[in-house]
Amino acid sequence: MTALDRLAATIAARKDADPGTSWTAKLLAQGPEKCAGKFGEEAVEAIIEAVRGDRDRLTAEAADVIYHLLVMLAARDVTLADVLAELERREGRSGLAEKAGR
């Protein structure tokens, strides 16, 4: 099991946790829109660090983006396995071909 799998499992387990004791549960209790907003905030912070060129800060922000992406997905009952299956479906296809097929 990878760190990403463990993180996704922890987020899934926190869906029913007390929002007063878990940041993840608190986010999920606020609804999908709040989770999406937090994901957007973290994505912007990662973009800023990518532009600045600070590798360590970009790494930290990228970790935040991945966490908040998984929380946002969980808020809409989309699992990491669902996303990985979609990536596998796309594997071997040109990005240009994949976009043309949308």
PDB file of N, CA and C in Angstrom:
ATOM      1  N   MET A   1       0.849  -1.185   0.000  1.00  0.00           N
ATOM      2  CA  MET A   1       0.000   0.000   0.000  1.00  0.00           C
ATOM      3  C   MET A   1       0.893   1.246   0.000  1.00  0.00           C
ATOM      4  N   THR A   2       0.612   2.146  -0.905  1.00  0.00           N
ATOM      5  CA  THR A   2       1.409   3.375  -1.017  1.00  0.00           C
ATOM      6  C   THR A   2       0.923   4.439  -0.028  1.00  0.00           C
ATOM      7  N   ALA A   3       1.714   5.475   0.116  1.00  0.00           N
ATOM      8  CA  ALA A   3       1.309   6.602   0.968  1.00  0.00           C
ATOM      9  C   ALA A   3       0.003   7.213   0.457  1.00  0.00           C
ATOM     10  N   LEU A   4      -0.161   7.250  -0.859  1.00  0.00           N
ATOM     11  CA  LEU A   4      -1.387   7.797  -1.444  1.00  0.00           C
ATOM     12  C   LEU A   4      -2.590   6.921  -1.106  1.00  0.00           C
ATOM     13  N   ASP A   5      -2.416   5.619  -1.167  1.00  0.00           N
ATOM     14  CA  ASP A   5      -3.489   4.702  -0.775  1.00  0.00           C
ATOM     15  C   ASP A   5      -3.848   4.877   0.700  1.00  0.00           C
ATOM     16  N   ARG A   6      -2.825   5.000   1.537  1.00  0.00           N
ATOM     17  CA  ARG A   6      -3.069   5.177   2.976  1.00  0.00           C
ATOM     18  C   ARG A   6      -3.788   6.492   3.252  1.00  0.00           C
ATOM     19  N   LEU A   7      -3.384   7.542   2.546  1.00  0.00           N
ATOM     20  CA  LEU A   7      -4.041   8.836   2.721  1.00  0.00           C
ATOM     21  C   LEU A   7      -5.502   8.753   2.299  1.00  0.00           C
ATOM     22  N   ALA A   8      -5.770   8.141   1.162  1.00  0.00           N
ATOM     23  CA  ALA A   8      -7.148   8.008   0.695  1.00  0.00           C
ATOM     24  C   ALA A   8      -7.979   7.195   1.686  1.00  0.00           C
ATOM     25  N   ALA A   9      -7.403   6.148   2.241  1.00  0.00           N
ATOM     26  CA  ALA A   9      -8.114   5.322   3.225  1.00  0.00           C
ATOM     27  C   ALA A   9      -8.388   6.108   4.506  1.00  0.00           C
ATOM     28  N   THR A  10      -7.437   6.917   4.934  1.00  0.00           N
ATOM     29  CA  THR A  10      -7.632   7.746   6.133  1.00  0.00           C
ATOM     30  C   THR A  10      -8.752   8.754   5.903  1.00  0.00           C
ATOM     31  N   ILE A  11      -8.761   9.388   4.744  1.00  0.00           N
ATOM     32  CA  ILE A  11      -9.808  10.363   4.421  1.00  0.00           C
ATOM     33  C   ILE A  11     -11.167   9.671   4.411  1.00  0.00           C
ATOM     34  N   ALA A  12     -11.250   8.507   3.794  1.00  0.00           N
ATOM     35  CA  ALA A  12     -12.522   7.762   3.766  1.00  0.00           C
ATOM     36  C   ALA A  12     -12.981   7.418   5.179  1.00  0.00           C
ATOM     37  N   ALA A  13     -12.056   7.039   6.027  1.00  0.00           N
ATOM     38  CA  ALA A  13     -12.401   6.682   7.413  1.00  0.00           C
ATOM     39  C   ALA A  13     -12.861   7.892   8.215  1.00  0.00           C
ATOM     40  N   ARG A  14     -12.403   9.067   7.865  1.00  0.00           N
ATOM     41  CA  ARG A  14     -12.754  10.278   8.608  1.00  0.00           C
ATOM     42  C   ARG A  14     -14.101  10.859   8.189  1.00  0.00           C
ATOM     43  N   LYS A  15     -14.716  10.309   7.163  1.00  0.00           N
ATOM     44  CA  LYS A  15     -16.004  10.840   6.704  1.00  0.00           C
ATOM     45  C   LYS A  15     -17.044  10.821   7.825  1.00  0.00           C
ATOM     46  N   ASP A  16     -16.953   9.845   8.700  1.00  0.00           N
ATOM     47  CA  ASP A  16     -17.916   9.719   9.794  1.00  0.00           C
ATOM     48  C   ASP A  16     -17.343  10.142  11.137  1.00  0.00           C
ATOM     49  N   ALA A  17     -16.168  10.750  11.114  1.00  0.00           N
ATOM     50  CA  ALA A  17     -15.530  11.176  12.367  1.00  0.00           C
ATOM     51  C   ALA A  17     -16.157  12.474  12.875  1.00  0.00           C
ATOM     52  N   ASP A  18     -15.816  12.802  14.101  1.00  0.00           N
ATOM     53  CA  ASP A  18     -16.295  14.029  14.742  1.00  0.00           C
ATOM     54  C   ASP A  18     -15.555  15.227  14.139  1.00  0.00           C
ATOM     55  N   PRO A  19     -16.278  16.177  13.529  1.00  0.00           N
ATOM     56  CA  PRO A  19     -15.629  17.361  12.962  1.00  0.00           C
ATOM     57  C   PRO A  19     -14.853  18.180  13.988  1.00  0.00           C
ATOM     58  N   GLY A  20     -15.164  17.986  15.252  1.00  0.00           N
ATOM     59  CA  GLY A  20     -14.442  18.707  16.295  1.00  0.00           C
ATOM     60  C   GLY A  20     -13.072  18.128  16.592  1.00  0.00           C
ATOM     61  N   THR A  21     -12.798  16.929  16.088  1.00  0.00           N
ATOM     62  CA  THR A  21     -11.519  16.286  16.373  1.00  0.00           C
ATOM     63  C   THR A  21     -10.709  15.963  15.118  1.00  0.00           C
ATOM     64  N   SER A  22     -11.258  16.254  13.940  1.00  0.00           N
ATOM     65  CA  SER A  22     -10.569  15.905  12.700  1.00  0.00           C
ATOM     66  C   SER A  22     -10.754  17.007  11.662  1.00  0.00           C
ATOM     67  N   TRP A  23      -9.644  17.523  11.137  1.00  0.00           N
ATOM     68  CA  TRP A  23      -9.700  18.540  10.090  1.00  0.00           C
ATOM     69  C   TRP A  23     -10.405  17.984   8.862  1.00  0.00           C
ATOM     70  N   THR A  24     -10.107  16.749   8.518  1.00  0.00           N
ATOM     71  CA  THR A  24     -10.739  16.121   7.358  1.00  0.00           C
ATOM     72  C   THR A  24     -12.242  16.030   7.549  1.00  0.00           C
ATOM     73  N   ALA A  25     -12.663  15.566   8.712  1.00  0.00           N
ATOM     74  CA  ALA A  25     -14.098  15.462   8.998  1.00  0.00           C
ATOM     75  C   ALA A  25     -14.750  16.838   8.967  1.00  0.00           C
ATOM     76  N   LYS A  26     -14.046  17.847   9.467  1.00  0.00           N
ATOM     77  CA  LYS A  26     -14.582  19.208   9.461  1.00  0.00           C
ATOM     78  C   LYS A  26     -14.799  19.695   8.025  1.00  0.00           C
ATOM     79  N   LEU A  27     -13.800  19.483   7.168  1.00  0.00           N
ATOM     80  CA  LEU A  27     -13.951  19.869   5.763  1.00  0.00           C
ATOM     81  C   LEU A  27     -15.130  19.147   5.116  1.00  0.00           C
ATOM     82  N   LEU A  28     -15.187  17.839   5.292  1.00  0.00           N
ATOM     83  CA  LEU A  28     -16.246  17.046   4.676  1.00  0.00           C
ATOM     84  C   LEU A  28     -17.629  17.453   5.195  1.00  0.00           C
ATOM     85  N   ALA A  29     -17.710  17.803   6.467  1.00  0.00           N
ATOM     86  CA  ALA A  29     -18.992  18.224   7.048  1.00  0.00           C
ATOM     87  C   ALA A  29     -19.472  19.546   6.451  1.00  0.00           C
ATOM     88  N   GLN A  30     -18.546  20.346   5.936  1.00  0.00           N
ATOM     89  CA  GLN A  30     -18.909  21.639   5.349  1.00  0.00           C
ATOM     90  C   GLN A  30     -19.417  21.507   3.915  1.00  0.00           C
ATOM     91  N   GLY A  31     -19.302  20.303   3.374  1.00  0.00           N
ATOM     92  CA  GLY A  31     -19.882  20.040   2.063  1.00  0.00           C
ATOM     93  C   GLY A  31     -18.902  20.096   0.908  1.00  0.00           C
ATOM     94  N   PRO A  32     -19.331  19.548  -0.229  1.00  0.00           N
ATOM     95  CA  PRO A  32     -18.465  19.475  -1.406  1.00  0.00           C
ATOM     96  C   PRO A  32     -17.982  20.831  -1.908  1.00  0.00           C
ATOM     97  N   GLU A  33     -18.818  21.842  -1.786  1.00  0.00           N
ATOM     98  CA  GLU A  33     -18.426  23.163  -2.276  1.00  0.00           C
ATOM     99  C   GLU A  33     -17.242  23.711  -1.486  1.00  0.00           C
ATOM    100  N   LYS A  34     -17.272  23.566  -0.170  1.00  0.00           N
ATOM    101  CA  LYS A  34     -16.161  24.023   0.680  1.00  0.00           C
ATOM    102  C   LYS A  34     -14.904  23.226   0.364  1.00  0.00           C
ATOM    103  N   CYS A  35     -15.058  21.913   0.178  1.00  0.00           N
ATOM    104  CA  CYS A  35     -13.914  21.066  -0.165  1.00  0.00           C
ATOM    105  C   CYS A  35     -13.313  21.500  -1.499  1.00  0.00           C
ATOM    106  N   ALA A  36     -14.150  21.819  -2.459  1.00  0.00           N
ATOM    107  CA  ALA A  36     -13.673  22.286  -3.762  1.00  0.00           C
ATOM    108  C   ALA A  36     -12.946  23.619  -3.625  1.00  0.00           C
ATOM    109  N   GLY A  37     -13.477  24.498  -2.798  1.00  0.00           N
ATOM    110  CA  GLY A  37     -12.831  25.788  -2.571  1.00  0.00           C
ATOM    111  C   GLY A  37     -11.449  25.635  -1.960  1.00  0.00           C
ATOM    112  N   LYS A  38     -11.326  24.742  -0.990  1.00  0.00           N
ATOM    113  CA  LYS A  38     -10.029  24.510  -0.355  1.00  0.00           C
ATOM    114  C   LYS A  38      -9.048  23.922  -1.358  1.00  0.00           C
ATOM    115  N   PHE A  39      -9.526  23.000  -2.202  1.00  0.00           N
ATOM    116  CA  PHE A  39      -8.665  22.447  -3.240  1.00  0.00           C
ATOM    117  C   PHE A  39      -8.163  23.564  -4.158  1.00  0.00           C
ATOM    118  N   GLY A  40      -9.061  24.450  -4.551  1.00  0.00           N
ATOM    119  CA  GLY A  40      -8.683  25.565  -5.416  1.00  0.00           C
ATOM    120  C   GLY A  40      -7.646  26.461  -4.765  1.00  0.00           C
ATOM    121  N   GLU A  41      -7.832  26.764  -3.488  1.00  0.00           N
ATOM    122  CA  GLU A  41      -6.860  27.595  -2.764  1.00  0.00           C
ATOM    123  C   GLU A  41      -5.479  26.953  -2.768  1.00  0.00           C
ATOM    124  N   GLU A  42      -5.448  25.663  -2.490  1.00  0.00           N
ATOM    125  CA  GLU A  42      -4.164  24.965  -2.436  1.00  0.00           C
ATOM    126  C   GLU A  42      -3.523  24.883  -3.815  1.00  0.00           C
ATOM    127  N   ALA A  43      -4.336  24.714  -4.849  1.00  0.00           N
ATOM    128  CA  ALA A  43      -3.803  24.666  -6.213  1.00  0.00           C
ATOM    129  C   ALA A  43      -3.152  25.996  -6.575  1.00  0.00           C
ATOM    130  N   VAL A  44      -3.799  27.089  -6.205  1.00  0.00           N
ATOM    131  CA  VAL A  44      -3.224  28.411  -6.479  1.00  0.00           C
ATOM    132  C   VAL A  44      -1.905  28.577  -5.726  1.00  0.00           C
ATOM    133  N   GLU A  45      -1.853  28.135  -4.486  1.00  0.00           N
ATOM    134  CA  GLU A  45      -0.608  28.236  -3.720  1.00  0.00           C
ATOM    135  C   GLU A  45       0.502  27.419  -4.374  1.00  0.00           C
ATOM    136  N   ALA A  46       0.172  26.262  -4.914  1.00  0.00           N
ATOM    137  CA  ALA A  46       1.171  25.442  -5.614  1.00  0.00           C
ATOM    138  C   ALA A  46       1.650  26.150  -6.875  1.00  0.00           C
ATOM    139  N   ILE A  47       0.729  26.771  -7.588  1.00  0.00           N
ATOM    140  CA  ILE A  47       1.099  27.517  -8.800  1.00  0.00           C
ATOM    141  C   ILE A  47       2.071  28.642  -8.452  1.00  0.00           C
ATOM    142  N   ILE A  48       1.775  29.355  -7.386  1.00  0.00           N
ATOM    143  CA  ILE A  48       2.652  30.459  -6.962  1.00  0.00           C
ATOM    144  C   ILE A  48       4.053  29.939  -6.671  1.00  0.00           C
ATOM    145  N   GLU A  49       4.148  28.825  -5.962  1.00  0.00           N
ATOM    146  CA  GLU A  49       5.470  28.271  -5.636  1.00  0.00           C
ATOM    147  C   GLU A  49       6.172  27.739  -6.875  1.00  0.00           C
ATOM    148  N   ALA A  50       5.413  27.218  -7.840  1.00  0.00           N
ATOM    149  CA  ALA A  50       6.028  26.757  -9.093  1.00  0.00           C
ATOM    150  C   ALA A  50       6.639  27.929  -9.845  1.00  0.00           C
ATOM    151  N   VAL A  51       5.947  29.059  -9.839  1.00  0.00           N
ATOM    152  CA  VAL A  51       6.449  30.254 -10.511  1.00  0.00           C
ATOM    153  C   VAL A  51       7.673  30.806  -9.772  1.00  0.00           C
ATOM    154  N   ARG A  52       7.619  30.793  -8.452  1.00  0.00           N
ATOM    155  CA  ARG A  52       8.750  31.305  -7.657  1.00  0.00           C
ATOM    156  C   ARG A  52       9.984  30.427  -7.786  1.00  0.00           C
ATOM    157  N   GLY A  53       9.773  29.138  -7.992  1.00  0.00           N
ATOM    158  CA  GLY A  53      10.903  28.235  -8.168  1.00  0.00           C
ATOM    159  C   GLY A  53      11.479  27.656  -6.894  1.00  0.00           C
ATOM    160  N   ASP A  54      10.750  27.786  -5.771  1.00  0.00           N
ATOM    161  CA  ASP A  54      11.221  27.213  -4.507  1.00  0.00           C
ATOM    162  C   ASP A  54      10.787  25.746  -4.460  1.00  0.00           C
ATOM    163  N   ARG A  55      11.727  24.857  -4.707  1.00  0.00           N
ATOM    164  CA  ARG A  55      11.428  23.425  -4.820  1.00  0.00           C
ATOM    165  C   ARG A  55      10.788  22.855  -3.552  1.00  0.00           C
ATOM    166  N   ASP A  56      11.346  23.189  -2.399  1.00  0.00           N
ATOM    167  CA  ASP A  56      10.817  22.651  -1.140  1.00  0.00           C
ATOM    168  C   ASP A  56       9.394  23.132  -0.872  1.00  0.00           C
ATOM    169  N   ARG A  57       9.147  24.414  -1.111  1.00  0.00           N
ATOM    170  CA  ARG A  57       7.797  24.939  -0.882  1.00  0.00           C
ATOM    171  C   ARG A  57       6.812  24.384  -1.895  1.00  0.00           C
ATOM    172  N   LEU A  58       7.266  24.211  -3.140  1.00  0.00           N
ATOM    173  CA  LEU A  58       6.402  23.602  -4.151  1.00  0.00           C
ATOM    174  C   LEU A  58       6.055  22.171  -3.753  1.00  0.00           C
ATOM    175  N   THR A  59       7.024  21.440  -3.249  1.00  0.00           N
ATOM    176  CA  THR A  59       6.788  20.060  -2.806  1.00  0.00           C
ATOM    177  C   THR A  59       5.736  20.030  -1.697  1.00  0.00           C
ATOM    178  N   ALA A  60       5.863  20.928  -0.734  1.00  0.00           N
ATOM    179  CA  ALA A  60       4.900  20.990   0.372  1.00  0.00           C
ATOM    180  C   ALA A  60       3.509  21.370  -0.130  1.00  0.00           C
ATOM    181  N   GLU A  61       3.446  22.344  -1.016  1.00  0.00           N
ATOM    182  CA  GLU A  61       2.142  22.756  -1.553  1.00  0.00           C
ATOM    183  C   GLU A  61       1.529  21.657  -2.421  1.00  0.00           C
ATOM    184  N   ALA A  62       2.359  20.939  -3.157  1.00  0.00           N
ATOM    185  CA  ALA A  62       1.845  19.835  -3.972  1.00  0.00           C
ATOM    186  C   ALA A  62       1.233  18.754  -3.081  1.00  0.00           C
ATOM    187  N   ALA A  63       1.846  18.502  -1.937  1.00  0.00           N
ATOM    188  CA  ALA A  63       1.275  17.535  -0.987  1.00  0.00           C
ATOM    189  C   ALA A  63      -0.082  18.026  -0.497  1.00  0.00           C
ATOM    190  N   ASP A  64      -0.194  19.320  -0.224  1.00  0.00           N
ATOM    191  CA  ASP A  64      -1.482  19.889   0.188  1.00  0.00           C
ATOM    192  C   ASP A  64      -2.521  19.743  -0.916  1.00  0.00           C
ATOM    193  N   VAL A  65      -2.106  19.964  -2.167  1.00  0.00           N
ATOM    194  CA  VAL A  65      -3.021  19.833  -3.301  1.00  0.00           C
ATOM    195  C   VAL A  65      -3.549  18.405  -3.384  1.00  0.00           C
ATOM    196  N   ILE A  66      -2.664  17.435  -3.253  1.00  0.00           N
ATOM    197  CA  ILE A  66      -3.089  16.036  -3.347  1.00  0.00           C
ATOM    198  C   ILE A  66      -4.047  15.693  -2.219  1.00  0.00           C
ATOM    199  N   TYR A  67      -3.729  16.117  -1.002  1.00  0.00           N
ATOM    200  CA  TYR A  67      -4.635  15.870   0.135  1.00  0.00           C
ATOM    201  C   TYR A  67      -6.008  16.483  -0.140  1.00  0.00           C
ATOM    202  N   HIS A  68      -6.039  17.741  -0.527  1.00  0.00           N
ATOM    203  CA  HIS A  68      -7.318  18.421  -0.730  1.00  0.00           C
ATOM    204  C   HIS A  68      -8.071  17.889  -1.953  1.00  0.00           C
ATOM    205  N   LEU A  69      -7.344  17.407  -2.956  1.00  0.00           N
ATOM    206  CA  LEU A  69      -8.000  16.745  -4.083  1.00  0.00           C
ATOM    207  C   LEU A  69      -8.729  15.488  -3.603  1.00  0.00           C
ATOM    208  N   LEU A  70      -8.060  14.701  -2.781  1.00  0.00           N
ATOM    209  CA  LEU A  70      -8.685  13.476  -2.271  1.00  0.00           C
ATOM    210  C   LEU A  70      -9.882  13.786  -1.376  1.00  0.00           C
ATOM    211  N   VAL A  71      -9.793  14.852  -0.595  1.00  0.00           N
ATOM    212  CA  VAL A  71     -10.933  15.255   0.241  1.00  0.00           C
ATOM    213  C   VAL A  71     -12.097  15.688  -0.649  1.00  0.00           C
ATOM    214  N   MET A  72     -11.809  16.485  -1.667  1.00  0.00           N
ATOM    215  CA  MET A  72     -12.854  16.937  -2.584  1.00  0.00           C
ATOM    216  C   MET A  72     -13.514  15.747  -3.279  1.00  0.00           C
ATOM    217  N   LEU A  73     -12.713  14.802  -3.719  1.00  0.00           N
ATOM    218  CA  LEU A  73     -13.272  13.609  -4.354  1.00  0.00           C
ATOM    219  C   LEU A  73     -14.148  12.835  -3.371  1.00  0.00           C
ATOM    220  N   ALA A  74     -13.674  12.681  -2.141  1.00  0.00           N
ATOM    221  CA  ALA A  74     -14.442  11.947  -1.129  1.00  0.00           C
ATOM    222  C   ALA A  74     -15.776  12.624  -0.855  1.00  0.00           C
ATOM    223  N   ALA A  75     -15.786  13.945  -0.913  1.00  0.00           N
ATOM    224  CA  ALA A  75     -17.022  14.690  -0.670  1.00  0.00           C
ATOM    225  C   ALA A  75     -18.082  14.369  -1.718  1.00  0.00           C
ATOM    226  N   ARG A  76     -17.650  13.899  -2.882  1.00  0.00           N
ATOM    227  CA  ARG A  76     -18.567  13.520  -3.962  1.00  0.00           C
ATOM    228  C   ARG A  76     -18.566  12.015  -4.210  1.00  0.00           C
ATOM    229  N   ASP A  77     -18.043  11.265  -3.229  1.00  0.00           N
ATOM    230  CA  ASP A  77     -18.004   9.797  -3.300  1.00  0.00           C
ATOM    231  C   ASP A  77     -17.270   9.267  -4.528  1.00  0.00           C
ATOM    232  N   VAL A  78     -16.211   9.957  -4.905  1.00  0.00           N
ATOM    233  CA  VAL A  78     -15.314   9.487  -5.950  1.00  0.00           C
ATOM    234  C   VAL A  78     -14.062   8.987  -5.239  1.00  0.00           C
ATOM    235  N   THR A  79     -13.670   7.747  -5.518  1.00  0.00           N
ATOM    236  CA  THR A  79     -12.523   7.165  -4.819  1.00  0.00           C
ATOM    237  C   THR A  79     -11.239   7.324  -5.627  1.00  0.00           C
ATOM    238  N   LEU A  80     -10.135   7.134  -4.940  1.00  0.00           N
ATOM    239  CA  LEU A  80      -8.846   7.113  -5.619  1.00  0.00           C
ATOM    240  C   LEU A  80      -8.846   5.999  -6.653  1.00  0.00           C
ATOM    241  N   ALA A  81      -9.448   4.872  -6.341  1.00  0.00           N
ATOM    242  CA  ALA A  81      -9.533   3.761  -7.299  1.00  0.00           C
ATOM    243  C   ALA A  81     -10.277   4.182  -8.562  1.00  0.00           C
ATOM    244  N   ASP A  82     -11.310   4.995  -8.411  1.00  0.00           N
ATOM    245  CA  ASP A  82     -12.039   5.499  -9.582  1.00  0.00           C
ATOM    246  C   ASP A  82     -11.115   6.327 -10.476  1.00  0.00           C
ATOM    247  N   VAL A  83     -10.340   7.186  -9.863  1.00  0.00           N
ATOM    248  CA  VAL A  83      -9.437   8.055 -10.616  1.00  0.00           C
ATOM    249  C   VAL A  83      -8.329   7.230 -11.269  1.00  0.00           C
ATOM    250  N   LEU A  84      -7.785   6.280 -10.531  1.00  0.00           N
ATOM    251  CA  LEU A  84      -6.738   5.437 -11.094  1.00  0.00           C
ATOM    252  C   LEU A  84      -7.257   4.608 -12.263  1.00  0.00           C
ATOM    253  N   ALA A  85      -8.500   4.138 -12.165  1.00  0.00           N
ATOM    254  CA  ALA A  85      -9.100   3.389 -13.270  1.00  0.00           C
ATOM    255  C   ALA A  85      -9.220   4.269 -14.514  1.00  0.00           C
ATOM    256  N   GLU A  86      -9.575   5.530 -14.316  1.00  0.00           N
ATOM    257  CA  GLU A  86      -9.665   6.452 -15.444  1.00  0.00           C
ATOM    258  C   GLU A  86      -8.292   6.696 -16.060  1.00  0.00           C
ATOM    259  N   LEU A  87      -7.276   6.827 -15.221  1.00  0.00           N
ATOM    260  CA  LEU A  87      -5.918   7.003 -15.735  1.00  0.00           C
ATOM    261  C   LEU A  87      -5.471   5.770 -16.524  1.00  0.00           C
ATOM    262  N   GLU A  88      -5.800   4.592 -16.007  1.00  0.00           N
ATOM    263  CA  GLU A  88      -5.460   3.366 -16.723  1.00  0.00           C
ATOM    264  C   GLU A  88      -6.193   3.297 -18.060  1.00  0.00           C
ATOM    265  N   ARG A  89      -7.431   3.742 -18.088  1.00  0.00           N
ATOM    266  CA  ARG A  89      -8.192   3.744 -19.333  1.00  0.00           C
ATOM    267  C   ARG A  89      -7.503   4.629 -20.372  1.00  0.00           C
ATOM    268  N   ARG A  90      -6.923   5.718 -19.910  1.00  0.00           N
ATOM    269  CA  ARG A  90      -6.270   6.671 -20.813  1.00  0.00           C
ATOM    270  C   ARG A  90      -4.837   6.272 -21.170  1.00  0.00           C
ATOM    271  N   GLU A  91      -4.269   5.351 -20.427  1.00  0.00           N
ATOM    272  CA  GLU A  91      -2.871   4.992 -20.618  1.00  0.00           C
ATOM    273  C   GLU A  91      -2.621   4.525 -22.051  1.00  0.00           C
ATOM    274  N   GLY A  92      -1.534   5.028 -22.603  1.00  0.00           N
ATOM    275  CA  GLY A  92      -1.167   4.643 -23.950  1.00  0.00           C
ATOM    276  C   GLY A  92      -1.806   5.484 -25.040  1.00  0.00           C
ATOM    277  N   ARG A  93      -2.724   6.353 -24.652  1.00  0.00           N
ATOM    278  CA  ARG A  93      -3.350   7.253 -25.629  1.00  0.00           C
ATOM    279  C   ARG A  93      -2.603   8.571 -25.634  1.00  0.00           C
ATOM    280  N   SER A  94      -2.485   9.134 -26.777  1.00  0.00           N
ATOM    281  CA  SER A  94      -1.905  10.464 -26.896  1.00  0.00           C
ATOM    282  C   SER A  94      -2.797  11.448 -26.163  1.00  0.00           C
ATOM    283  N   GLY A  95      -2.186  12.401 -25.504  1.00  0.00           N
ATOM    284  CA  GLY A  95      -2.974  13.452 -24.863  1.00  0.00           C
ATOM    285  C   GLY A  95      -3.817  14.210 -25.846  1.00  0.00           C
ATOM    286  N   LEU A  96      -3.299  14.404 -27.043  1.00  0.00           N
ATOM    287  CA  LEU A  96      -4.060  15.102 -28.081  1.00  0.00           C
ATOM    288  C   LEU A  96      -5.268  14.272 -28.509  1.00  0.00           C
ATOM    289  N   ALA A  97      -5.092  12.962 -28.652  1.00  0.00           N
ATOM    290  CA  ALA A  97      -6.191  12.080 -29.034  1.00  0.00           C
ATOM    291  C   ALA A  97      -7.234  12.016 -27.921  1.00  0.00           C
ATOM    292  N   GLU A  98      -6.763  11.973 -26.675  1.00  0.00           N
ATOM    293  CA  GLU A  98      -7.690  11.901 -25.543  1.00  0.00           C
ATOM    294  C   GLU A  98      -8.539  13.154 -25.488  1.00  0.00           C
ATOM    295  N   LYS A  99      -7.945  14.315 -25.653  1.00  0.00           N
ATOM    296  CA  LYS A  99      -8.694  15.571 -25.618  1.00  0.00           C
ATOM    297  C   LYS A  99      -9.660  15.655 -26.784  1.00  0.00           C
ATOM    298  N   ALA A 100      -9.276  15.179 -27.954  1.00  0.00           N
ATOM    299  CA  ALA A 100     -10.147  15.213 -29.127  1.00  0.00           C
ATOM    300  C   ALA A 100     -11.371  14.318 -28.932  1.00  0.00           C
ATOM    301  N   GLY A 101     -11.232  13.293 -28.099  1.00  0.00           N
ATOM    302  CA  GLY A 101     -12.336  12.372 -27.865  1.00  0.00           C
ATOM    303  C   GLY A 101     -13.340  12.859 -26.845  1.00  0.00           C
ATOM    304  N   ARG A 102     -13.112  13.996 -26.256  1.00  0.00           N
ATOM    305  CA  ARG A 102     -14.044  14.516 -25.231  1.00  0.00           C
ATOM    306  C   ARG A 102     -15.204  15.223 -25.850  1.00  0.00           C
TER     307      ARG A 102
END
